């Protein structure tokens, strides 16, 4: 497989192994954070990293328990990721950096930007977790997540059921099987499903499980976004079944100076379905955010 990045390094950060990817030598830094479940940096950013590298120093990681960042002990909850990103910024000696986060990575990025505005220069949240007070089938989802052993059994099932992974990608994560390079993307996702089973990991990340309460989400960043101190762009694929238009539009409205964009013909992982349009929006926003910092610097 041809890598999405120019180079990579294996590091120990926050007590565990992390694969760190790099592209680009000039311009302001950008940190890419992929989503949960079966996402990896090589997958989600496969058609994005090289585009951003023309104007930015691009950093990306496989989040703990994803891709080459294995094995990881303990519980990887919201408090863990705040500490982890502090350690990551320190280890990489990053100045204030733009965070681009998808789904789980978006939720992690929102929380970190709220609590550490001096380390984050801008935020792009793509179909992020942590937005909205309630989800469809809230109680049922919570009960399934809390059934002992079920999420690890789900990982084993997905590893042995490539057709189930394919259906999930078509139904929940992409615009469908007509997504460009769908089979190549599916190969990466199925390899990640097998890795989760091999390492005995649950199908859902701890951050995602902890976010759910029986009747309401345990945290909803919509209530905190009025104090977000960095420029922000909120992106949703118009066909995304997981994150609603009203919630994401409300997030953009709540964040001071926030912007909202919906991408047509895209599902939850817009970087798979519409990479060129996503990059256009991100590039324009990052240029604008950098110009604003120069004027106020």
Protein backbone atom coordinates (compact mmCIF):
# COMPACT_ATOMS: atom_id res chain seq x y z
CA UNK A 1 0.00 0.00 0.00
CA UNK A 2 1.25 3.51 -0.83
CA UNK A 3 1.24 5.60 2.33
CA UNK A 4 -0.89 8.72 2.63
CA UNK A 5 2.09 10.39 4.34
CA UNK A 6 5.72 11.12 3.53
CA UNK A 7 7.13 9.41 6.60
CA UNK A 8 6.24 7.95 9.98
CA UNK A 9 7.86 7.34 13.37
CA UNK A 10 6.90 5.04 16.23
CA UNK A 11 6.92 6.83 19.59
CA UNK A 12 5.95 6.18 23.19
CA UNK A 13 3.53 8.85 24.36
CA UNK A 14 1.30 8.86 27.43
CA UNK A 15 2.46 5.41 28.42
CA UNK A 16 1.85 3.55 25.16
CA UNK A 17 2.91 3.16 21.51
CA UNK A 18 1.91 5.79 18.96
CA UNK A 19 2.51 5.86 15.21
CA UNK A 20 3.21 9.48 14.21
CA UNK A 21 2.88 10.48 10.55
CA UNK A 22 4.38 13.55 8.86
CA UNK A 23 4.03 15.37 5.57
CA UNK A 24 5.13 18.85 4.52
CA UNK A 25 8.02 20.99 5.67
CA UNK A 26 6.72 24.55 5.59
CA UNK A 27 3.83 26.58 6.91
CA UNK A 28 1.82 26.40 10.14
CA UNK A 29 1.28 23.02 11.81
CA UNK A 30 -1.90 20.98 11.51
CA UNK A 31 -2.78 17.92 13.62
CA UNK A 32 -5.17 15.37 12.08
CA UNK A 33 -7.23 13.18 14.44
CA UNK A 34 -9.27 10.37 12.87
CA UNK A 35 -12.47 8.79 14.17
CA UNK A 36 -13.26 5.77 16.31
CA UNK A 37 -14.09 2.11 15.77
CA UNK A 38 -12.25 1.00 12.61
CA UNK A 39 -10.69 4.31 11.52
CA UNK A 40 -6.96 4.83 11.00
CA UNK A 41 -4.85 7.79 9.90
CA UNK A 42 -3.80 6.01 6.70
CA UNK A 43 -7.46 5.47 5.88
CA UNK A 44 -9.31 8.64 6.85
CA UNK A 45 -6.61 11.04 5.61
CA UNK A 46 -5.56 8.96 2.57
CA UNK A 47 -6.54 11.70 0.10
CA UNK A 48 -6.12 14.72 2.38
CA UNK A 49 -2.60 14.72 3.86
CA UNK A 50 -0.75 15.35 0.61
CA UNK A 51 -3.08 18.22 -0.28
CA UNK A 52 -2.55 19.94 3.07
CA UNK A 53 1.21 19.35 2.95
CA UNK A 54 1.59 21.90 0.18
CA UNK A 55 1.00 24.72 2.70
CA UNK A 56 1.25 23.12 6.14
CA UNK A 57 3.38 20.95 8.34
CA UNK A 58 0.98 18.02 8.63
CA UNK A 59 1.06 15.81 11.71
CA UNK A 60 -1.25 12.82 12.19
CA UNK A 61 -1.39 9.85 14.52
CA UNK A 62 -3.09 6.54 14.77
CA UNK A 63 -5.07 7.09 17.95
CA UNK A 64 -4.43 4.57 20.75
CA UNK A 65 -5.88 1.13 19.85
CA UNK A 66 -5.96 2.01 16.15
CA UNK A 67 -3.65 1.19 13.28
CA UNK A 68 -0.03 0.87 14.42
CA UNK A 69 -0.69 2.38 17.89
CA UNK A 70 -1.05 -0.90 19.79
CA UNK A 71 -1.30 -2.44 22.36
CA UNK A 72 -2.72 -0.07 24.98
CA UNK A 73 -3.64 -0.94 28.58
CA UNK A 74 -6.23 0.70 30.79
CA UNK A 75 -9.26 2.85 30.08
CA UNK A 76 -8.88 5.54 27.40
CA UNK A 77 -11.52 8.02 28.52
CA UNK A 78 -11.95 11.77 28.11
CA UNK A 79 -9.50 12.60 30.90
CA UNK A 80 -6.94 10.28 29.32
CA UNK A 81 -7.11 12.08 25.99
CA UNK A 82 -6.64 15.51 27.55
CA UNK A 83 -3.43 14.26 29.20
CA UNK A 84 -2.43 12.37 26.08
CA UNK A 85 -2.68 15.42 23.82
CA UNK A 86 -0.65 17.46 26.29
CA UNK A 87 2.05 14.78 26.13
CA UNK A 88 1.81 14.64 22.33
CA UNK A 89 2.18 18.43 21.95
CA UNK A 90 5.14 18.38 24.33
CA UNK A 91 6.87 15.45 22.62
CA UNK A 92 6.46 16.93 19.14
CA UNK A 93 7.31 20.42 20.42
CA UNK A 94 4.26 21.81 18.66
CA UNK A 95 3.51 25.54 18.74
CA UNK A 96 -0.17 26.55 18.67
CA UNK A 97 -1.59 24.08 16.13
CA UNK A 98 -4.78 23.72 14.12
CA UNK A 99 -6.66 20.54 15.04
CA UNK A 100 -8.68 18.80 12.34
CA UNK A 101 -10.80 16.07 13.92
CA UNK A 102 -13.31 13.62 12.48
CA UNK A 103 -16.05 12.03 14.61
CA UNK A 104 -14.26 10.76 17.77
CA UNK A 105 -11.24 12.87 16.80
CA UNK A 106 -13.53 15.88 16.46
CA UNK A 107 -14.93 15.35 19.94
CA UNK A 108 -11.44 14.96 21.40
CA UNK A 109 -10.34 18.10 19.57
CA UNK A 110 -13.31 20.16 20.81
CA UNK A 111 -12.64 19.23 24.42
CA UNK A 112 -8.93 19.98 24.10
CA UNK A 113 -9.52 23.35 22.39
CA UNK A 114 -11.96 24.37 25.12
CA UNK A 115 -9.50 23.55 27.89
CA UNK A 116 -6.25 24.51 26.17
CA UNK A 117 -6.88 27.49 23.86
CA UNK A 118 -3.22 28.54 24.07
CA UNK A 119 -2.14 25.31 22.35
CA UNK A 120 -4.79 25.30 19.58
CA UNK A 121 -4.76 27.88 16.78
CA UNK A 122 -7.96 26.74 15.02
CA UNK A 123 -10.43 23.86 15.05
CA UNK A 124 -12.10 21.95 12.23
CA UNK A 125 -14.69 19.50 13.57
CA UNK A 126 -16.07 17.01 11.02
CA UNK A 127 -19.21 15.18 12.18
CA UNK A 128 -17.82 15.36 15.74
CA UNK A 129 -18.77 13.34 18.77
CA UNK A 130 -19.89 15.19 21.90
CA UNK A 131 -22.49 17.39 20.18
CA UNK A 132 -26.17 17.06 21.08
CA UNK A 133 -28.06 16.10 24.23
CA UNK A 134 -29.71 12.94 22.92
CA UNK A 135 -29.24 10.38 20.15
CA UNK A 136 -31.56 7.99 18.37
CA UNK A 137 -32.31 4.86 20.41
CA UNK A 138 -30.51 6.43 23.36
CA UNK A 139 -31.46 3.89 26.03
CA UNK A 140 -31.04 0.85 23.76
CA UNK A 141 -27.60 2.02 22.64
CA UNK A 142 -26.53 2.67 26.21
CA UNK A 143 -27.78 -0.75 27.34
CA UNK A 144 -25.95 -2.54 24.52
CA UNK A 145 -22.72 -0.68 25.30
CA UNK A 146 -22.96 -1.66 28.97
CA UNK A 147 -23.62 -5.36 28.39
CA UNK A 148 -20.50 -7.09 29.73
CA UNK A 149 -18.29 -8.52 27.01
CA UNK A 150 -20.61 -7.60 24.15
CA UNK A 151 -18.34 -5.00 22.50
CA UNK A 152 -15.41 -7.42 22.41
CA UNK A 153 -17.67 -10.06 20.90
CA UNK A 154 -18.73 -7.47 18.32
CA UNK A 155 -15.09 -6.97 17.33
CA UNK A 156 -14.71 -10.73 16.80
CA UNK A 157 -17.90 -10.83 14.76
CA UNK A 158 -16.82 -7.96 12.50
CA UNK A 159 -13.39 -9.53 11.99
CA UNK A 160 -15.06 -12.71 10.71
CA UNK A 161 -17.84 -10.98 8.76
CA UNK A 162 -16.45 -8.79 5.97
CA UNK A 163 -19.92 -8.41 4.50
CA UNK A 164 -21.16 -6.89 7.78
CA UNK A 165 -18.30 -4.39 7.66
CA UNK A 166 -19.18 -3.57 4.07
CA UNK A 167 -22.84 -2.99 4.95
CA UNK A 168 -21.85 -0.73 7.85
CA UNK A 169 -19.60 1.34 5.61
CA UNK A 170 -22.36 1.76 3.03
CA UNK A 171 -25.15 2.44 5.55
CA UNK A 172 -23.45 4.54 8.22
CA UNK A 173 -20.11 5.93 7.12
CA UNK A 174 -19.87 6.69 3.40
CA UNK A 175 -22.24 7.86 0.69
CA UNK A 176 -22.35 4.27 -0.57
CA UNK A 177 -20.48 1.71 -2.62
CA UNK A 178 -20.04 4.27 -5.42
CA UNK A 179 -17.60 6.24 -3.25
CA UNK A 180 -14.37 6.54 -5.22
CA UNK A 181 -11.87 3.77 -4.32
CA UNK A 182 -14.51 2.15 -2.10
CA UNK A 183 -12.94 -1.31 -2.35
CA UNK A 184 -9.50 0.01 -1.35
CA UNK A 185 -11.04 1.87 1.59
CA UNK A 186 -12.95 -1.26 2.58
CA UNK A 187 -9.73 -3.29 2.59
CA UNK A 188 -8.22 -0.87 5.13
CA UNK A 189 -11.33 -0.96 7.31
CA UNK A 190 -11.55 -4.75 7.26
CA UNK A 191 -7.86 -5.02 8.19
CA UNK A 192 -8.54 -2.75 11.16
CA UNK A 193 -11.53 -4.91 12.18
CA UNK A 194 -9.25 -7.95 12.23
CA UNK A 195 -6.64 -6.07 14.27
CA UNK A 196 -9.20 -5.08 16.91
CA UNK A 197 -10.22 -8.72 17.33
CA UNK A 198 -6.60 -9.92 17.40
CA UNK A 199 -5.73 -7.51 20.22
CA UNK A 200 -8.92 -8.27 22.17
CA UNK A 201 -10.23 -4.71 21.90
CA UNK A 202 -13.89 -3.63 22.13
CA UNK A 203 -15.58 -2.46 18.93
CA UNK A 204 -16.21 1.01 20.37
CA UNK A 205 -13.62 3.29 21.94
CA UNK A 206 -13.92 4.02 25.68
CA UNK A 207 -14.47 7.75 24.96
CA UNK A 208 -17.50 6.85 22.85
CA UNK A 209 -18.93 4.45 25.43
CA UNK A 210 -18.48 6.92 28.29
CA UNK A 211 -20.29 9.65 26.34
CA UNK A 212 -23.59 7.75 26.56
CA UNK A 213 -25.99 7.91 29.48
CA UNK A 214 -29.27 5.96 29.64
CA UNK A 215 -31.50 8.90 28.74
CA UNK A 216 -29.17 11.71 27.71
CA UNK A 217 -25.58 12.05 26.58
CA UNK A 218 -23.24 12.37 29.55
CA UNK A 219 -21.62 15.41 28.01
CA UNK A 220 -22.73 17.83 25.34
CA UNK A 221 -20.21 20.44 24.24
CA UNK A 222 -23.03 22.63 22.90
CA UNK A 223 -23.40 23.97 26.44
CA UNK A 224 -19.73 25.06 26.53
CA UNK A 225 -19.06 26.40 23.04
CA UNK A 226 -19.79 30.01 23.92
CA UNK A 227 -16.33 30.08 25.53
CA UNK A 228 -14.46 28.46 22.63
CA UNK A 229 -11.57 30.87 22.11
CA UNK A 230 -10.29 29.70 18.70
CA UNK A 231 -11.71 30.03 15.17
CA UNK A 232 -13.80 26.99 14.26
CA UNK A 233 -15.29 25.32 11.19
CA UNK A 234 -18.03 22.71 11.62
CA UNK A 235 -18.47 20.30 8.70
CA UNK A 236 -21.14 17.68 8.05
CA UNK A 237 -21.79 15.37 5.14
CA UNK A 238 -25.35 15.95 3.99
CA UNK A 239 -26.03 12.18 4.05
CA UNK A 240 -24.53 11.63 7.51
CA UNK A 241 -26.93 9.44 9.56
CA UNK A 242 -24.88 9.77 12.76
CA UNK A 243 -24.58 13.53 13.36
CA UNK A 244 -27.59 15.73 12.59
CA UNK A 245 -27.67 19.02 10.70
CA UNK A 246 -29.48 20.93 13.50
CA UNK A 247 -26.92 19.92 16.14
CA UNK A 248 -23.91 20.86 14.05
CA UNK A 249 -25.43 24.12 12.84
CA UNK A 250 -26.20 24.94 16.49
CA UNK A 251 -22.57 24.24 17.40
CA UNK A 252 -21.32 26.65 14.76
CA UNK A 253 -23.79 29.28 15.95
CA UNK A 254 -22.78 28.82 19.60
CA UNK A 255 -19.03 29.09 18.98
CA UNK A 256 -17.89 32.72 18.66
CA UNK A 257 -17.15 33.29 14.99
CA UNK A 258 -17.93 29.66 14.16
CA UNK A 259 -18.68 28.62 10.59
CA UNK A 260 -20.83 25.75 9.32
CA UNK A 261 -20.61 23.89 6.01
CA UNK A 262 -22.57 20.91 4.67
CA UNK A 263 -20.97 18.85 1.91
CA UNK A 264 -23.37 17.32 -0.65
CA UNK A 265 -23.10 13.65 -1.62
CA UNK A 266 -21.09 12.82 1.48
CA UNK A 267 -21.72 10.56 4.45
CA UNK A 268 -20.18 10.62 7.90
CA UNK A 269 -16.57 10.31 6.71
CA UNK A 270 -16.55 13.20 4.25
CA UNK A 271 -12.84 12.73 3.55
CA UNK A 272 -13.70 9.45 1.82
CA UNK A 273 -16.65 10.74 -0.19
CA UNK A 274 -15.65 14.29 -1.11
CA UNK A 275 -11.94 14.83 -0.36
CA UNK A 276 -11.50 17.69 -2.84
CA UNK A 277 -14.46 19.66 -1.49
CA UNK A 278 -13.43 19.02 2.09
CA UNK A 279 -9.92 20.24 1.33
CA UNK A 280 -11.23 23.37 -0.39
CA UNK A 281 -13.29 24.29 2.66
CA UNK A 282 -10.50 23.46 5.11
CA UNK A 283 -7.87 25.32 3.09
CA UNK A 284 -9.96 28.48 2.85
CA UNK A 285 -10.75 28.36 6.56
CA UNK A 286 -7.15 27.77 7.67
CA UNK A 287 -5.94 30.62 5.45
CA UNK A 288 -8.56 32.91 6.98
CA UNK A 289 -7.72 31.81 10.53
CA UNK A 290 -4.02 32.40 9.91
CA UNK A 291 -4.76 35.86 8.48
CA UNK A 292 -6.81 36.72 11.54
CA UNK A 293 -3.95 35.74 13.85
CA UNK A 294 -1.51 37.90 11.88
CA UNK A 295 -3.81 40.93 12.12
CA UNK A 296 -4.22 40.53 15.88
CA UNK A 297 -0.65 39.40 16.59
